[in-house]
PDB file of N, CA and C in Angstrom:
ATOM      1  N   MET A   1       8.990  -6.296  -0.051  1.00  0.00           N
ATOM      2  CA  MET A   1       7.852  -5.597  -0.602  1.00  0.00           C
ATOM      3  C   MET A   1       7.148  -4.771   0.472  1.00  0.00           C
ATOM      4  N   GLU A   2       7.056  -5.345   1.671  1.00  0.00           N
ATOM      5  CA  GLU A   2       6.411  -4.608   2.768  1.00  0.00           C
ATOM      6  C   GLU A   2       7.152  -3.304   3.050  1.00  0.00           C
ATOM      7  N   GLN A   3       8.468  -3.351   3.018  1.00  0.00           N
ATOM      8  CA  GLN A   3       9.271  -2.151   3.282  1.00  0.00           C
ATOM      9  C   GLN A   3       9.044  -1.098   2.205  1.00  0.00           C
ATOM     10  N   LEU A   4       8.943  -1.526   0.957  1.00  0.00           N
ATOM     11  CA  LEU A   4       8.698  -0.594  -0.143  1.00  0.00           C
ATOM     12  C   LEU A   4       7.378   0.136   0.051  1.00  0.00           C
ATOM     13  N   ILE A   5       6.334  -0.597   0.359  1.00  0.00           N
ATOM     14  CA  ILE A   5       5.013  -0.002   0.566  1.00  0.00           C
ATOM     15  C   ILE A   5       5.035   0.928   1.772  1.00  0.00           C
ATOM     16  N   LEU A   6       5.707   0.504   2.825  1.00  0.00           N
ATOM     17  CA  LEU A   6       5.773   1.307   4.040  1.00  0.00           C
ATOM     18  C   LEU A   6       6.524   2.615   3.809  1.00  0.00           C
ATOM     19  N   VAL A   7       7.617   2.572   3.084  1.00  0.00           N
ATOM     20  CA  VAL A   7       8.391   3.788   2.803  1.00  0.00           C
ATOM     21  C   VAL A   7       7.571   4.767   1.968  1.00  0.00           C
ATOM     22  N   MET A   8       6.884   4.255   0.961  1.00  0.00           N
ATOM     23  CA  MET A   8       6.059   5.137   0.122  1.00  0.00           C
ATOM     24  C   MET A   8       4.921   5.750   0.940  1.00  0.00           C
ATOM     25  N   ALA A   9       4.268   4.953   1.767  1.00  0.00           N
ATOM     26  CA  ALA A   9       3.141   5.456   2.558  1.00  0.00           C
ATOM     27  C   ALA A   9       3.602   6.483   3.592  1.00  0.00           C
ATOM     28  N   ARG A  10       4.719   6.210   4.246  1.00  0.00           N
ATOM     29  CA  ARG A  10       5.211   7.148   5.268  1.00  0.00           C
ATOM     30  C   ARG A  10       5.602   8.490   4.675  1.00  0.00           C
ATOM     31  N   ALA A  11       6.011   8.516   3.424  1.00  0.00           N
ATOM     32  CA  ALA A  11       6.368   9.772   2.773  1.00  0.00           C
ATOM     33  C   ALA A  11       5.138  10.628   2.475  1.00  0.00           C
ATOM     34  N   LEU A  12       3.974  10.027   2.430  1.00  0.00           N
ATOM     35  CA  LEU A  12       2.747  10.733   2.065  1.00  0.00           C
ATOM     36  C   LEU A  12       1.958  11.287   3.243  1.00  0.00           C
ATOM     37  N   VAL A  13       2.103  10.703   4.424  1.00  0.00           N
ATOM     38  CA  VAL A  13       1.198  10.992   5.538  1.00  0.00           C
ATOM     39  C   VAL A  13       1.792  11.958   6.553  1.00  0.00           C
ATOM     40  N   ASP A  14       0.915  12.517   7.404  1.00  0.00           N
ATOM     41  CA  ASP A  14       1.338  13.404   8.487  1.00  0.00           C
ATOM     42  C   ASP A  14       1.749  12.633   9.737  1.00  0.00           C
ATOM     43  N   HIS A  15       1.244  11.418   9.888  1.00  0.00           N
ATOM     44  CA  HIS A  15       1.540  10.565  11.045  1.00  0.00           C
ATOM     45  C   HIS A  15       2.253   9.293  10.567  1.00  0.00           C
ATOM     46  N   PRO A  16       3.540   9.391  10.232  1.00  0.00           N
ATOM     47  CA  PRO A  16       4.229   8.227   9.662  1.00  0.00           C
ATOM     48  C   PRO A  16       4.379   7.059  10.627  1.00  0.00           C
ATOM     49  N   ASP A  17       4.370   7.319  11.927  1.00  0.00           N
ATOM     50  CA  ASP A  17       4.510   6.240  12.896  1.00  0.00           C
ATOM     51  C   ASP A  17       3.271   5.351  12.960  1.00  0.00           C
ATOM     52  N   ALA A  18       2.141   5.851  12.486  1.00  0.00           N
ATOM     53  CA  ALA A  18       0.893   5.090  12.535  1.00  0.00           C
ATOM     54  C   ALA A  18       0.730   4.163  11.330  1.00  0.00           C
ATOM     55  N   ALA A  19       1.594   4.282  10.343  1.00  0.00           N
ATOM     56  CA  ALA A  19       1.483   3.451   9.141  1.00  0.00           C
ATOM     57  C   ALA A  19       1.948   2.025   9.440  1.00  0.00           C
ATOM     58  N   ARG A  20       1.157   1.052   9.002  1.00  0.00           N
ATOM     59  CA  ARG A  20       1.468  -0.370   9.213  1.00  0.00           C
ATOM     60  C   ARG A  20       1.132  -1.136   7.937  1.00  0.00           C
ATOM     61  N   VAL A  21       1.932  -2.171   7.669  1.00  0.00           N
ATOM     62  CA  VAL A  21       1.673  -3.051   6.532  1.00  0.00           C
ATOM     63  C   VAL A  21       1.673  -4.483   7.037  1.00  0.00           C
ATOM     64  N   VAL A  22       0.607  -5.208   6.703  1.00  0.00           N
ATOM     65  CA  VAL A  22       0.494  -6.616   7.071  1.00  0.00           C
ATOM     66  C   VAL A  22       0.272  -7.405   5.783  1.00  0.00           C
ATOM     67  N   ALA A  23       1.038  -8.468   5.610  1.00  0.00           N
ATOM     68  CA  ALA A  23       0.908  -9.298   4.408  1.00  0.00           C
ATOM     69  C   ALA A  23       0.128 -10.561   4.741  1.00  0.00           C
ATOM     70  N   ARG A  24      -0.726 -10.953   3.810  1.00  0.00           N
ATOM     71  CA  ARG A  24      -1.435 -12.228   3.932  1.00  0.00           C
ATOM     72  C   ARG A  24      -1.647 -12.773   2.532  1.00  0.00           C
ATOM     73  N   GLU A  25      -1.836 -14.061   2.458  1.00  0.00           N
ATOM     74  CA  GLU A  25      -2.014 -14.694   1.160  1.00  0.00           C
ATOM     75  C   GLU A  25      -3.424 -15.241   1.048  1.00  0.00           C
ATOM     76  N   ASP A  26      -4.039 -15.014  -0.108  1.00  0.00           N
ATOM     77  CA  ASP A  26      -5.368 -15.559  -0.361  1.00  0.00           C
ATOM     78  C   ASP A  26      -5.478 -15.924  -1.835  1.00  0.00           C
ATOM     79  N   GLY A  27      -6.670 -16.092  -2.329  1.00  0.00           N
ATOM     80  CA  GLY A  27      -6.895 -16.504  -3.703  1.00  0.00           C
ATOM     81  C   GLY A  27      -6.409 -15.507  -4.739  1.00  0.00           C
ATOM     82  N   ARG A  28      -6.290 -14.237  -4.344  1.00  0.00           N
ATOM     83  CA  ARG A  28      -5.831 -13.201  -5.265  1.00  0.00           C
ATOM     84  C   ARG A  28      -4.314 -13.130  -5.343  1.00  0.00           C
ATOM     85  N   GLY A  29      -3.614 -13.862  -4.515  1.00  0.00           N
ATOM     86  CA  GLY A  29      -2.150 -13.766  -4.427  1.00  0.00           C
ATOM     87  C   GLY A  29      -1.787 -13.198  -3.064  1.00  0.00           C
ATOM     88  N   ILE A  30      -0.768 -12.388  -3.014  1.00  0.00           N
ATOM     89  CA  ILE A  30      -0.365 -11.759  -1.760  1.00  0.00           C
ATOM     90  C   ILE A  30      -1.096 -10.424  -1.627  1.00  0.00           C
ATOM     91  N   VAL A  31      -1.755 -10.247  -0.502  1.00  0.00           N
ATOM     92  CA  VAL A  31      -2.498  -9.021  -0.225  1.00  0.00           C
ATOM     93  C   VAL A  31      -1.768  -8.277   0.894  1.00  0.00           C
ATOM     94  N   TYR A  32      -1.389  -7.049   0.608  1.00  0.00           N
ATOM     95  CA  TYR A  32      -0.765  -6.202   1.619  1.00  0.00           C
ATOM     96  C   TYR A  32      -1.814  -5.229   2.125  1.00  0.00           C
ATOM     97  N   GLU A  33      -2.077  -5.286   3.426  1.00  0.00           N
ATOM     98  CA  GLU A  33      -3.052  -4.399   4.039  1.00  0.00           C
ATOM     99  C   GLU A  33      -2.315  -3.212   4.643  1.00  0.00           C
ATOM    100  N   LEU A  34      -2.528  -2.049   4.071  1.00  0.00           N
ATOM    101  CA  LEU A  34      -1.896  -0.820   4.526  1.00  0.00           C
ATOM    102  C   LEU A  34      -2.866  -0.085   5.422  1.00  0.00           C
ATOM    103  N   SER A  35      -2.490   0.119   6.671  1.00  0.00           N
ATOM    104  CA  SER A  35      -3.333   0.885   7.587  1.00  0.00           C
ATOM    105  C   SER A  35      -2.581   2.147   7.989  1.00  0.00           C
ATOM    106  N   VAL A  36      -3.306   3.251   7.986  1.00  0.00           N
ATOM    107  CA  VAL A  36      -2.738   4.554   8.343  1.00  0.00           C
ATOM    108  C   VAL A  36      -3.663   5.235   9.342  1.00  0.00           C
ATOM    109  N   HIS A  37      -3.202   6.323   9.894  1.00  0.00           N
ATOM    110  CA  HIS A  37      -4.010   7.128  10.815  1.00  0.00           C
ATOM    111  C   HIS A  37      -5.281   7.569  10.078  1.00  0.00           C
ATOM    112  N   PRO A  38      -6.419   7.572  10.760  1.00  0.00           N
ATOM    113  CA  PRO A  38      -7.682   7.930  10.092  1.00  0.00           C
ATOM    114  C   PRO A  38      -7.662   9.278   9.366  1.00  0.00           C
ATOM    115  N   SER A  39      -6.907  10.237   9.855  1.00  0.00           N
ATOM    116  CA  SER A  39      -6.866  11.533   9.177  1.00  0.00           C
ATOM    117  C   SER A  39      -5.985  11.509   7.930  1.00  0.00           C
ATOM    118  N   ASP A  40      -5.205  10.453   7.738  1.00  0.00           N
ATOM    119  CA  ASP A  40      -4.301  10.350   6.586  1.00  0.00           C
ATOM    120  C   ASP A  40      -4.829   9.474   5.461  1.00  0.00           C
ATOM    121  N   VAL A  41      -5.994   8.886   5.633  1.00  0.00           N
ATOM    122  CA  VAL A  41      -6.531   7.976   4.622  1.00  0.00           C
ATOM    123  C   VAL A  41      -6.713   8.695   3.284  1.00  0.00           C
ATOM    124  N   GLY A  42      -7.218   9.901   3.315  1.00  0.00           N
ATOM    125  CA  GLY A  42      -7.424  10.668   2.080  1.00  0.00           C
ATOM    126  C   GLY A  42      -6.130  10.972   1.352  1.00  0.00           C
ATOM    127  N   LYS A  43      -5.066  11.179   2.087  1.00  0.00           N
ATOM    128  CA  LYS A  43      -3.770  11.457   1.467  1.00  0.00           C
ATOM    129  C   LYS A  43      -3.210  10.233   0.766  1.00  0.00           C
ATOM    130  N   VAL A  44      -3.469   9.059   1.313  1.00  0.00           N
ATOM    131  CA  VAL A  44      -2.970   7.824   0.708  1.00  0.00           C
ATOM    132  C   VAL A  44      -3.823   7.436  -0.500  1.00  0.00           C
ATOM    133  N   ILE A  45      -5.106   7.742  -0.448  1.00  0.00           N
ATOM    134  CA  ILE A  45      -5.982   7.413  -1.574  1.00  0.00           C
ATOM    135  C   ILE A  45      -5.834   8.444  -2.692  1.00  0.00           C
ATOM    136  N   GLY A  46      -5.812   9.719  -2.349  1.00  0.00           N
ATOM    137  CA  GLY A  46      -5.661  10.768  -3.348  1.00  0.00           C
ATOM    138  C   GLY A  46      -6.956  11.080  -4.074  1.00  0.00           C
ATOM    139  N   LYS A  47      -6.910  12.115  -4.890  1.00  0.00           N
ATOM    140  CA  LYS A  47      -8.092  12.502  -5.657  1.00  0.00           C
ATOM    141  C   LYS A  47      -8.394  11.434  -6.696  1.00  0.00           C
ATOM    142  N   GLN A  48      -9.611  10.960  -6.672  1.00  0.00           N
ATOM    143  CA  GLN A  48     -10.100   9.920  -7.571  1.00  0.00           C
ATOM    144  C   GLN A  48      -9.238   8.660  -7.522  1.00  0.00           C
ATOM    145  N   GLY A  49      -8.548   8.436  -6.393  1.00  0.00           N
ATOM    146  CA  GLY A  49      -7.775   7.218  -6.205  1.00  0.00           C
ATOM    147  C   GLY A  49      -6.459   7.171  -6.954  1.00  0.00           C
ATOM    148  N   ARG A  50      -5.961   8.318  -7.379  1.00  0.00           N
ATOM    149  CA  ARG A  50      -4.742   8.344  -8.192  1.00  0.00           C
ATOM    150  C   ARG A  50      -3.506   7.890  -7.423  1.00  0.00           C
ATOM    151  N   ILE A  51      -3.365   8.305  -6.185  1.00  0.00           N
ATOM    152  CA  ILE A  51      -2.187   7.910  -5.405  1.00  0.00           C
ATOM    153  C   ILE A  51      -2.259   6.432  -5.058  1.00  0.00           C
ATOM    154  N   ALA A  52      -3.439   5.944  -4.698  1.00  0.00           N
ATOM    155  CA  ALA A  52      -3.602   4.516  -4.407  1.00  0.00           C
ATOM    156  C   ALA A  52      -3.272   3.688  -5.643  1.00  0.00           C
ATOM    157  N   LYS A  53      -3.708   4.144  -6.798  1.00  0.00           N
ATOM    158  CA  LYS A  53      -3.408   3.434  -8.038  1.00  0.00           C
ATOM    159  C   LYS A  53      -1.909   3.431  -8.313  1.00  0.00           C
ATOM    160  N   ALA A  54      -1.249   4.547  -8.049  1.00  0.00           N
ATOM    161  CA  ALA A  54       0.200   4.625  -8.251  1.00  0.00           C
ATOM    162  C   ALA A  54       0.935   3.681  -7.296  1.00  0.00           C
ATOM    163  N   LEU A  55       0.494   3.618  -6.035  1.00  0.00           N
ATOM    164  CA  LEU A  55       1.099   2.685  -5.080  1.00  0.00           C
ATOM    165  C   LEU A  55       0.951   1.251  -5.570  1.00  0.00           C
ATOM    166  N   ARG A  56      -0.226   0.918  -6.054  1.00  0.00           N
ATOM    167  CA  ARG A  56      -0.475  -0.444  -6.554  1.00  0.00           C
ATOM    168  C   ARG A  56       0.357  -0.742  -7.798  1.00  0.00           C
ATOM    169  N   THR A  57       0.537   0.244  -8.664  1.00  0.00           N
ATOM    170  CA  THR A  57       1.335   0.052  -9.871  1.00  0.00           C
ATOM    171  C   THR A  57       2.797  -0.203  -9.532  1.00  0.00           C
ATOM    172  N   VAL A  58       3.345   0.568  -8.613  1.00  0.00           N
ATOM    173  CA  VAL A  58       4.743   0.378  -8.209  1.00  0.00           C
ATOM    174  C   VAL A  58       4.920  -0.987  -7.559  1.00  0.00           C
ATOM    175  N   ALA A  59       4.002  -1.377  -6.697  1.00  0.00           N
ATOM    176  CA  ALA A  59       4.106  -2.680  -6.031  1.00  0.00           C
ATOM    177  C   ALA A  59       3.979  -3.816  -7.038  1.00  0.00           C
ATOM    178  N   SER A  60       3.070  -3.693  -7.984  1.00  0.00           N
ATOM    179  CA  SER A  60       2.912  -4.738  -9.002  1.00  0.00           C
ATOM    180  C   SER A  60       4.143  -4.834  -9.892  1.00  0.00           C
ATOM    181  N   SER A  61       4.726  -3.700 -10.222  1.00  0.00           N
ATOM    182  CA  SER A  61       5.936  -3.699 -11.042  1.00  0.00           C
ATOM    183  C   SER A  61       7.103  -4.340 -10.306  1.00  0.00           C
ATOM    184  N   ALA A  62       7.199  -4.103  -9.023  1.00  0.00           N
ATOM    185  CA  ALA A  62       8.270  -4.710  -8.227  1.00  0.00           C
ATOM    186  C   ALA A  62       8.064  -6.212  -8.071  1.00  0.00           C
ATOM    187  N   ALA A  63       6.820  -6.660  -8.111  1.00  0.00           N
ATOM    188  CA  ALA A  63       6.513  -8.078  -7.923  1.00  0.00           C
ATOM    189  C   ALA A  63       6.671  -8.890  -9.203  1.00  0.00           C
ATOM    190  N   VAL A  64       6.811  -8.236 -10.338  1.00  0.00           N
ATOM    191  CA  VAL A  64       6.953  -8.950 -11.611  1.00  0.00           C
ATOM    192  C   VAL A  64       8.198  -9.828 -11.595  1.00  0.00           C
ATOM    193  N   LYS A  65       9.235  -9.346 -10.971  1.00  0.00           N
ATOM    194  CA  LYS A  65      10.489 -10.086 -10.913  1.00  0.00           C
ATOM    195  C   LYS A  65      10.312 -11.446 -10.240  1.00  0.00           C
ATOM    196  N   SER A  66       9.491 -11.506  -9.218  1.00  0.00           N
ATOM    197  CA  SER A  66       9.261 -12.758  -8.500  1.00  0.00           C
ATOM    198  C   SER A  66       8.009 -13.496  -9.004  1.00  0.00           C
ATOM    199  N   GLN A  67       7.382 -12.980 -10.047  1.00  0.00           N
ATOM    200  CA  GLN A  67       6.201 -13.579 -10.670  1.00  0.00           C
ATOM    201  C   GLN A  67       5.077 -13.830  -9.666  1.00  0.00           C
ATOM    202  N   GLN A  68       4.793 -12.819  -8.862  1.00  0.00           N
ATOM    203  CA  GLN A  68       3.712 -12.900  -7.889  1.00  0.00           C
ATOM    204  C   GLN A  68       2.648 -11.868  -8.233  1.00  0.00           C
ATOM    205  N   ARG A  69       1.443 -12.159  -7.834  1.00  0.00           N
ATOM    206  CA  ARG A  69       0.354 -11.198  -7.983  1.00  0.00           C
ATOM    207  C   ARG A  69       0.199 -10.469  -6.650  1.00  0.00           C
ATOM    208  N   VAL A  70       0.229  -9.152  -6.695  1.00  0.00           N
ATOM    209  CA  VAL A  70       0.227  -8.338  -5.480  1.00  0.00           C
ATOM    210  C   VAL A  70      -0.959  -7.385  -5.503  1.00  0.00           C
ATOM    211  N   THR A  71      -1.615  -7.252  -4.367  1.00  0.00           N
ATOM    212  CA  THR A  71      -2.720  -6.324  -4.190  1.00  0.00           C
ATOM    213  C   THR A  71      -2.475  -5.519  -2.915  1.00  0.00           C
ATOM    214  N   ILE A  72      -2.832  -4.246  -2.941  1.00  0.00           N
ATOM    215  CA  ILE A  72      -2.738  -3.407  -1.741  1.00  0.00           C
ATOM    216  C   ILE A  72      -4.142  -2.975  -1.355  1.00  0.00           C
ATOM    217  N   ASP A  73      -4.537  -3.297  -0.135  1.00  0.00           N
ATOM    218  CA  ASP A  73      -5.806  -2.850   0.427  1.00  0.00           C
ATOM    219  C   ASP A  73      -5.505  -1.753   1.444  1.00  0.00           C
ATOM    220  N   ILE A  74      -6.196  -0.638   1.361  1.00  0.00           N
ATOM    221  CA  ILE A  74      -5.996   0.466   2.289  1.00  0.00           C
ATOM    222  C   ILE A  74      -7.074   0.416   3.347  1.00  0.00           C
ATOM    223  N   ILE A  75      -6.625   0.354   4.596  1.00  0.00           N
ATOM    224  CA  ILE A  75      -7.527   0.217   5.742  1.00  0.00           C
ATOM    225  C   ILE A  75      -7.315   1.404   6.661  1.00  0.00           C
ATOM    226  N   SER A  76      -8.415   1.992   7.137  1.00  0.00           N
ATOM    227  CA  SER A  76      -8.275   3.116   8.070  1.00  0.00           C
ATOM    228  C   SER A  76      -8.187   2.638   9.492  1.00  0.00           C
TER     229      SER A  76
END
């Protein structure tokens, strides 16, 4: 799952080497923290959060197979 999120994020940003994904587990399930270069945060979030929502939808759809709850937090 981390690789999927990383590949999608790197395709969107100008600084793909700065993209990082860290997984942790909490009460919400598995939380993936996506950090990108500060100038690329807007590109990952998109207008009105549309790209961030799409990233979360793809990750949630991929996690259905393993019956896990997945959340993506975007960190600058």
